[in-house]
Amino acid sequence: QVQLVESGGGLVQAGGSLRLSCAASGNIFSINAMGWYRQAPGKQRELVATIPSGGITTYADSLKGRFTISRDNAKNTVYLQMNSLEPEDTAVYYCNARITARSVPFMPRDYWGQGTQVTVSS
């Protein structure tokens, strides 16, 4: 079984920073792309950023320059550094990873974390 566990959310004032972490664990053979999505109340889930196992990261255009995604492959962990936070960044942030489990080789699938709440006060 594969799990993604997020941490690092919370309440922060506008202009502040938070760092989210997401650790993948379990019966993992390999991890391809990892990423972060977010869902604000009454809105659809949207892409924040993705990072492949090797290659160029991708960001939502509106977040470039404020958010930075990174990963530690040795720890199966992806991070999201969020700076200059705005009230509009308030949302539940979800971690996503495309993982091949040892029990199902050659069949990667997407896994999701349970979400972590980020609230930015004005």
N, C-alpha and C. Protein backbone atom coordinates (compact mmCIF):
# COMPACT_ATOMS: atom_id res chain seq x y z
N GLN A 1 0.85 -1.18 0.00
CA GLN A 1 0.00 0.00 0.00
C GLN A 1 0.88 1.24 0.00
N VAL A 2 0.46 2.25 -0.73
CA VAL A 2 1.22 3.49 -0.85
C VAL A 2 0.44 4.62 -0.17
N GLN A 3 1.14 5.45 0.56
CA GLN A 3 0.53 6.60 1.23
C GLN A 3 1.31 7.86 0.96
N LEU A 4 0.57 8.96 0.87
CA LEU A 4 1.17 10.29 0.81
C LEU A 4 0.67 11.05 2.03
N VAL A 5 1.59 11.59 2.82
CA VAL A 5 1.22 12.30 4.03
C VAL A 5 1.79 13.71 3.96
N GLU A 6 0.88 14.69 4.00
CA GLU A 6 1.28 16.09 3.95
C GLU A 6 1.43 16.66 5.35
N SER A 7 2.23 17.70 5.45
CA SER A 7 2.37 18.44 6.70
C SER A 7 2.81 19.86 6.37
N GLY A 8 2.67 20.74 7.37
CA GLY A 8 3.18 22.10 7.21
C GLY A 8 2.14 23.17 7.00
N GLY A 9 0.88 22.79 6.86
CA GLY A 9 -0.15 23.80 6.69
C GLY A 9 -0.41 24.54 7.99
N GLY A 10 -1.24 25.58 7.88
CA GLY A 10 -1.57 26.34 9.08
C GLY A 10 -2.10 27.71 8.74
N LEU A 11 -2.12 28.54 9.77
CA LEU A 11 -2.61 29.91 9.64
C LEU A 11 -1.42 30.86 9.62
N VAL A 12 -1.43 31.76 8.66
CA VAL A 12 -0.34 32.72 8.52
C VAL A 12 -0.91 34.06 8.07
N GLN A 13 -0.25 35.13 8.45
CA GLN A 13 -0.68 36.45 8.01
C GLN A 13 -0.23 36.72 6.58
N ALA A 14 -0.95 37.58 5.91
CA ALA A 14 -0.57 37.97 4.55
C ALA A 14 0.87 38.48 4.55
N GLY A 15 1.61 38.06 3.55
CA GLY A 15 3.02 38.41 3.45
C GLY A 15 3.94 37.39 4.07
N GLY A 16 3.38 36.46 4.81
CA GLY A 16 4.18 35.44 5.48
C GLY A 16 4.52 34.27 4.57
N SER A 17 5.17 33.27 5.17
CA SER A 17 5.64 32.11 4.42
C SER A 17 5.24 30.83 5.13
N LEU A 18 5.09 29.79 4.35
CA LEU A 18 4.88 28.44 4.86
C LEU A 18 5.63 27.46 3.97
N ARG A 19 6.00 26.35 4.54
CA ARG A 19 6.64 25.28 3.76
C ARG A 19 5.86 24.01 3.98
N LEU A 20 5.31 23.48 2.91
CA LEU A 20 4.58 22.23 2.96
C LEU A 20 5.51 21.08 2.60
N SER A 21 5.26 19.94 3.24
CA SER A 21 6.01 18.73 2.93
C SER A 21 5.03 17.61 2.63
N CYS A 22 5.45 16.68 1.79
CA CYS A 22 4.65 15.51 1.48
C CYS A 22 5.58 14.32 1.32
N ALA A 23 5.41 13.34 2.18
CA ALA A 23 6.26 12.16 2.15
C ALA A 23 5.47 10.96 1.64
N ALA A 24 6.05 10.29 0.67
CA ALA A 24 5.45 9.06 0.15
C ALA A 24 6.08 7.87 0.86
N SER A 25 5.26 6.90 1.20
CA SER A 25 5.78 5.72 1.89
C SER A 25 4.98 4.50 1.46
N GLY A 26 5.54 3.35 1.80
CA GLY A 26 4.85 2.10 1.50
C GLY A 26 5.57 1.28 0.46
N ASN A 27 4.80 0.54 -0.29
CA ASN A 27 5.29 -0.45 -1.25
C ASN A 27 5.66 0.23 -2.58
N ILE A 28 6.70 1.07 -2.54
CA ILE A 28 7.06 1.91 -3.69
C ILE A 28 8.21 1.30 -4.48
N PHE A 29 8.00 1.18 -5.79
CA PHE A 29 9.08 0.79 -6.68
C PHE A 29 9.76 2.03 -7.25
N SER A 30 8.95 2.96 -7.74
CA SER A 30 9.51 4.20 -8.29
C SER A 30 8.48 5.31 -8.24
N ILE A 31 9.00 6.54 -8.21
CA ILE A 31 8.14 7.72 -8.23
C ILE A 31 8.51 8.57 -9.43
N ASN A 32 7.55 8.90 -10.23
CA ASN A 32 7.80 9.78 -11.37
C ASN A 32 7.53 11.22 -10.93
N ALA A 33 6.57 11.88 -11.54
CA ALA A 33 6.30 13.26 -11.19
C ALA A 33 5.63 13.36 -9.82
N MET A 34 5.93 14.45 -9.13
CA MET A 34 5.26 14.80 -7.88
C MET A 34 4.76 16.23 -8.02
N GLY A 35 3.73 16.55 -7.27
CA GLY A 35 3.21 17.90 -7.43
C GLY A 35 2.27 18.30 -6.33
N TRP A 36 1.87 19.56 -6.41
CA TRP A 36 0.92 20.13 -5.46
C TRP A 36 -0.25 20.74 -6.22
N TYR A 37 -1.43 20.53 -5.68
CA TYR A 37 -2.66 21.14 -6.18
C TYR A 37 -3.34 21.80 -5.00
N ARG A 38 -4.30 22.67 -5.30
CA ARG A 38 -5.03 23.30 -4.21
C ARG A 38 -6.50 23.48 -4.60
N GLN A 39 -7.32 23.52 -3.58
CA GLN A 39 -8.75 23.72 -3.80
C GLN A 39 -9.28 24.70 -2.77
N ALA A 40 -9.73 25.84 -3.26
CA ALA A 40 -10.33 26.85 -2.40
C ALA A 40 -11.82 26.58 -2.27
N PRO A 41 -12.46 27.07 -1.24
CA PRO A 41 -13.90 26.86 -1.06
C PRO A 41 -14.69 27.33 -2.27
N GLY A 42 -15.54 26.45 -2.77
CA GLY A 42 -16.39 26.80 -3.91
C GLY A 42 -15.70 26.79 -5.25
N LYS A 43 -14.45 26.37 -5.28
CA LYS A 43 -13.69 26.37 -6.54
C LYS A 43 -13.19 24.97 -6.86
N GLN A 44 -12.82 24.80 -8.13
CA GLN A 44 -12.26 23.52 -8.54
C GLN A 44 -10.81 23.39 -8.10
N ARG A 45 -10.37 22.14 -7.98
CA ARG A 45 -8.97 21.90 -7.67
C ARG A 45 -8.11 22.39 -8.83
N GLU A 46 -7.02 23.06 -8.51
CA GLU A 46 -6.15 23.61 -9.54
C GLU A 46 -4.70 23.24 -9.29
N LEU A 47 -3.95 23.22 -10.37
CA LEU A 47 -2.53 22.92 -10.28
C LEU A 47 -1.79 24.07 -9.62
N VAL A 48 -0.87 23.70 -8.73
CA VAL A 48 0.04 24.68 -8.15
C VAL A 48 1.41 24.54 -8.80
N ALA A 49 1.97 23.34 -8.72
CA ALA A 49 3.29 23.10 -9.30
C ALA A 49 3.54 21.61 -9.40
N THR A 50 4.37 21.23 -10.36
CA THR A 50 4.79 19.85 -10.49
C THR A 50 6.29 19.79 -10.70
N ILE A 51 6.87 18.66 -10.32
CA ILE A 51 8.29 18.44 -10.51
C ILE A 51 8.50 16.99 -10.91
N PRO A 52 9.08 16.76 -12.07
CA PRO A 52 9.32 15.39 -12.51
C PRO A 52 10.52 14.79 -11.78
N SER A 53 10.75 13.52 -12.01
CA SER A 53 11.91 12.88 -11.38
C SER A 53 13.20 13.48 -11.92
N GLY A 54 13.16 14.01 -13.11
CA GLY A 54 14.28 14.74 -13.66
C GLY A 54 13.77 15.66 -14.73
N GLY A 55 14.16 16.94 -14.69
CA GLY A 55 13.63 17.82 -15.71
C GLY A 55 13.12 19.13 -15.16
N ILE A 56 12.25 19.76 -15.91
CA ILE A 56 11.83 21.12 -15.62
C ILE A 56 10.57 21.13 -14.78
N THR A 57 10.56 21.97 -13.77
CA THR A 57 9.37 22.14 -12.94
C THR A 57 8.34 22.99 -13.67
N THR A 58 7.11 22.85 -13.25
CA THR A 58 5.99 23.58 -13.85
C THR A 58 5.22 24.28 -12.74
N TYR A 59 4.84 25.52 -12.99
CA TYR A 59 4.07 26.30 -12.02
C TYR A 59 2.83 26.89 -12.68
N ALA A 60 1.80 27.09 -11.87
CA ALA A 60 0.69 27.92 -12.32
C ALA A 60 1.24 29.32 -12.57
N ASP A 61 0.83 29.92 -13.66
CA ASP A 61 1.39 31.23 -14.05
C ASP A 61 1.27 32.27 -12.92
N SER A 62 0.15 32.22 -12.22
CA SER A 62 -0.10 33.25 -11.20
C SER A 62 0.78 33.09 -9.96
N LEU A 63 1.44 31.94 -9.86
CA LEU A 63 2.22 31.67 -8.65
C LEU A 63 3.72 31.75 -8.86
N LYS A 64 4.13 31.90 -10.10
CA LYS A 64 5.57 31.97 -10.38
C LYS A 64 6.21 33.11 -9.61
N GLY A 65 7.34 32.79 -9.01
CA GLY A 65 8.08 33.80 -8.27
C GLY A 65 7.76 33.83 -6.79
N ARG A 66 6.62 33.28 -6.40
CA ARG A 66 6.27 33.25 -4.98
C ARG A 66 6.38 31.85 -4.40
N PHE A 67 6.07 30.84 -5.20
CA PHE A 67 6.10 29.45 -4.75
C PHE A 67 7.26 28.72 -5.41
N THR A 68 7.88 27.81 -4.66
CA THR A 68 8.97 27.00 -5.18
C THR A 68 8.75 25.55 -4.79
N ILE A 69 8.76 24.68 -5.78
CA ILE A 69 8.62 23.24 -5.52
C ILE A 69 9.99 22.59 -5.60
N SER A 70 10.21 21.62 -4.74
CA SER A 70 11.47 20.87 -4.75
C SER A 70 11.18 19.47 -4.24
N ARG A 71 12.15 18.58 -4.42
CA ARG A 71 11.96 17.22 -3.94
C ARG A 71 13.27 16.62 -3.50
N ASP A 72 13.15 15.68 -2.57
CA ASP A 72 14.29 14.91 -2.08
C ASP A 72 13.99 13.46 -2.42
N ASN A 73 14.61 12.97 -3.47
CA ASN A 73 14.30 11.62 -3.94
C ASN A 73 14.72 10.56 -2.92
N ALA A 74 15.75 10.83 -2.17
CA ALA A 74 16.20 9.85 -1.16
C ALA A 74 15.15 9.68 -0.06
N LYS A 75 14.36 10.72 0.16
CA LYS A 75 13.34 10.68 1.21
C LYS A 75 11.94 10.51 0.63
N ASN A 76 11.83 10.38 -0.69
CA ASN A 76 10.51 10.29 -1.34
C ASN A 76 9.60 11.42 -0.90
N THR A 77 10.15 12.60 -0.84
CA THR A 77 9.43 13.75 -0.30
C THR A 77 9.46 14.93 -1.28
N VAL A 78 8.32 15.59 -1.37
CA VAL A 78 8.22 16.81 -2.18
C VAL A 78 7.86 17.96 -1.25
N TYR A 79 8.39 19.13 -1.55
CA TYR A 79 8.18 20.31 -0.73
C TYR A 79 7.57 21.43 -1.56
N LEU A 80 6.88 22.32 -0.86
CA LEU A 80 6.37 23.53 -1.50
C LEU A 80 6.67 24.70 -0.58
N GLN A 81 7.60 25.54 -0.99
CA GLN A 81 7.91 26.75 -0.24
C GLN A 81 7.02 27.86 -0.77
N MET A 82 6.24 28.44 0.12
CA MET A 82 5.28 29.49 -0.28
C MET A 82 5.66 30.78 0.43
N ASN A 83 5.99 31.79 -0.36
CA ASN A 83 6.38 33.09 0.17
C ASN A 83 5.38 34.16 -0.25
N SER A 84 5.43 35.27 0.44
CA SER A 84 4.54 36.41 0.12
C SER A 84 3.09 35.96 -0.04
N LEU A 85 2.65 35.18 0.94
CA LEU A 85 1.31 34.61 0.85
C LEU A 85 0.24 35.69 0.88
N GLU A 86 -0.83 35.42 0.14
CA GLU A 86 -1.96 36.33 0.02
C GLU A 86 -3.23 35.62 0.49
N PRO A 87 -4.22 36.37 0.94
CA PRO A 87 -5.48 35.73 1.33
C PRO A 87 -6.06 34.83 0.24
N GLU A 88 -5.80 35.17 -1.02
CA GLU A 88 -6.30 34.36 -2.13
C GLU A 88 -5.62 32.98 -2.21
N ASP A 89 -4.55 32.80 -1.48
CA ASP A 89 -3.87 31.49 -1.44
C ASP A 89 -4.52 30.54 -0.45
N THR A 90 -5.51 31.01 0.29
CA THR A 90 -6.21 30.15 1.24
C THR A 90 -6.90 29.01 0.51
N ALA A 91 -6.57 27.79 0.92
CA ALA A 91 -7.11 26.61 0.25
C ALA A 91 -6.64 25.37 0.99
N VAL A 92 -7.20 24.24 0.61
CA VAL A 92 -6.63 22.96 1.01
C VAL A 92 -5.62 22.56 -0.07
N TYR A 93 -4.42 22.27 0.36
CA TYR A 93 -3.34 21.91 -0.55
C TYR A 93 -3.16 20.39 -0.54
N TYR A 94 -3.16 19.82 -1.74
CA TYR A 94 -3.06 18.38 -1.90
C TYR A 94 -1.76 18.01 -2.61
N CYS A 95 -1.14 16.98 -2.10
CA CYS A 95 0.03 16.42 -2.73
C CYS A 95 -0.40 15.32 -3.71
N ASN A 96 0.31 15.25 -4.82
CA ASN A 96 0.03 14.23 -5.84
C ASN A 96 1.34 13.61 -6.28
N ALA A 97 1.32 12.32 -6.56
CA ALA A 97 2.53 11.66 -7.07
C ALA A 97 2.12 10.51 -7.98
N ARG A 98 2.88 10.35 -9.04
CA ARG A 98 2.67 9.20 -9.93
C ARG A 98 3.67 8.13 -9.49
N ILE A 99 3.13 7.03 -8.98
CA ILE A 99 3.96 6.03 -8.31
C ILE A 99 3.70 4.66 -8.91
N THR A 100 4.78 3.94 -9.09
CA THR A 100 4.68 2.52 -9.44
C THR A 100 4.91 1.73 -8.16
N ALA A 101 3.91 0.98 -7.79
CA ALA A 101 4.03 0.16 -6.59
C ALA A 101 4.72 -1.16 -6.92
N ARG A 102 5.45 -1.70 -5.98
CA ARG A 102 6.15 -2.98 -6.19
C ARG A 102 5.15 -4.09 -6.48
N SER A 103 3.96 -3.98 -5.93
CA SER A 103 2.96 -5.03 -6.10
C SER A 103 2.31 -4.98 -7.48
N VAL A 104 2.45 -3.85 -8.17
CA VAL A 104 1.85 -3.70 -9.49
C VAL A 104 2.89 -3.07 -10.42
N PRO A 105 3.88 -3.81 -10.80
CA PRO A 105 4.96 -3.24 -11.62
C PRO A 105 4.46 -2.85 -13.01
N PHE A 106 5.10 -1.86 -13.59
CA PHE A 106 4.83 -1.38 -14.94
C PHE A 106 3.45 -0.75 -15.07
N MET A 107 2.82 -0.43 -13.95
CA MET A 107 1.49 0.20 -13.98
C MET A 107 1.47 1.38 -13.00
N PRO A 108 2.12 2.47 -13.35
CA PRO A 108 2.09 3.63 -12.46
C PRO A 108 0.68 4.22 -12.38
N ARG A 109 0.38 4.78 -11.23
CA ARG A 109 -0.90 5.45 -11.05
C ARG A 109 -0.71 6.65 -10.15
N ASP A 110 -1.71 7.50 -10.16
CA ASP A 110 -1.66 8.70 -9.34
C ASP A 110 -2.16 8.42 -7.93
N TYR A 111 -1.43 8.96 -6.98
CA TYR A 111 -1.84 8.89 -5.58
C TYR A 111 -2.00 10.32 -5.06
N TRP A 112 -2.91 10.46 -4.08
CA TRP A 112 -3.19 11.77 -3.49
C TRP A 112 -3.04 11.71 -1.98
N GLY A 113 -2.58 12.82 -1.43
CA GLY A 113 -2.57 12.95 0.01
C GLY A 113 -3.94 13.39 0.51
N GLN A 114 -4.05 13.49 1.82
CA GLN A 114 -5.34 13.81 2.42
C GLN A 114 -5.62 15.30 2.41
N GLY A 115 -4.62 16.10 2.12
CA GLY A 115 -4.79 17.55 2.08
C GLY A 115 -4.38 18.21 3.37
N THR A 116 -3.85 19.42 3.24
CA THR A 116 -3.49 20.22 4.41
C THR A 116 -4.01 21.64 4.20
N GLN A 117 -4.63 22.17 5.24
CA GLN A 117 -5.27 23.48 5.14
C GLN A 117 -4.24 24.59 5.27
N VAL A 118 -4.30 25.53 4.36
CA VAL A 118 -3.51 26.75 4.45
C VAL A 118 -4.48 27.92 4.49
N THR A 119 -4.38 28.71 5.54
CA THR A 119 -5.25 29.88 5.69
C THR A 119 -4.39 31.12 5.84
N VAL A 120 -4.63 32.10 4.98
CA VAL A 120 -3.87 33.34 5.00
C VAL A 120 -4.81 34.47 5.41
N SER A 121 -4.49 35.08 6.52
CA SER A 121 -5.35 36.18 7.02
C SER A 121 -4.86 37.52 6.50
N SER A 122 -5.80 38.43 6.30
CA SER A 122 -5.43 39.76 5.77
C SER A 122 -5.09 40.73 6.89
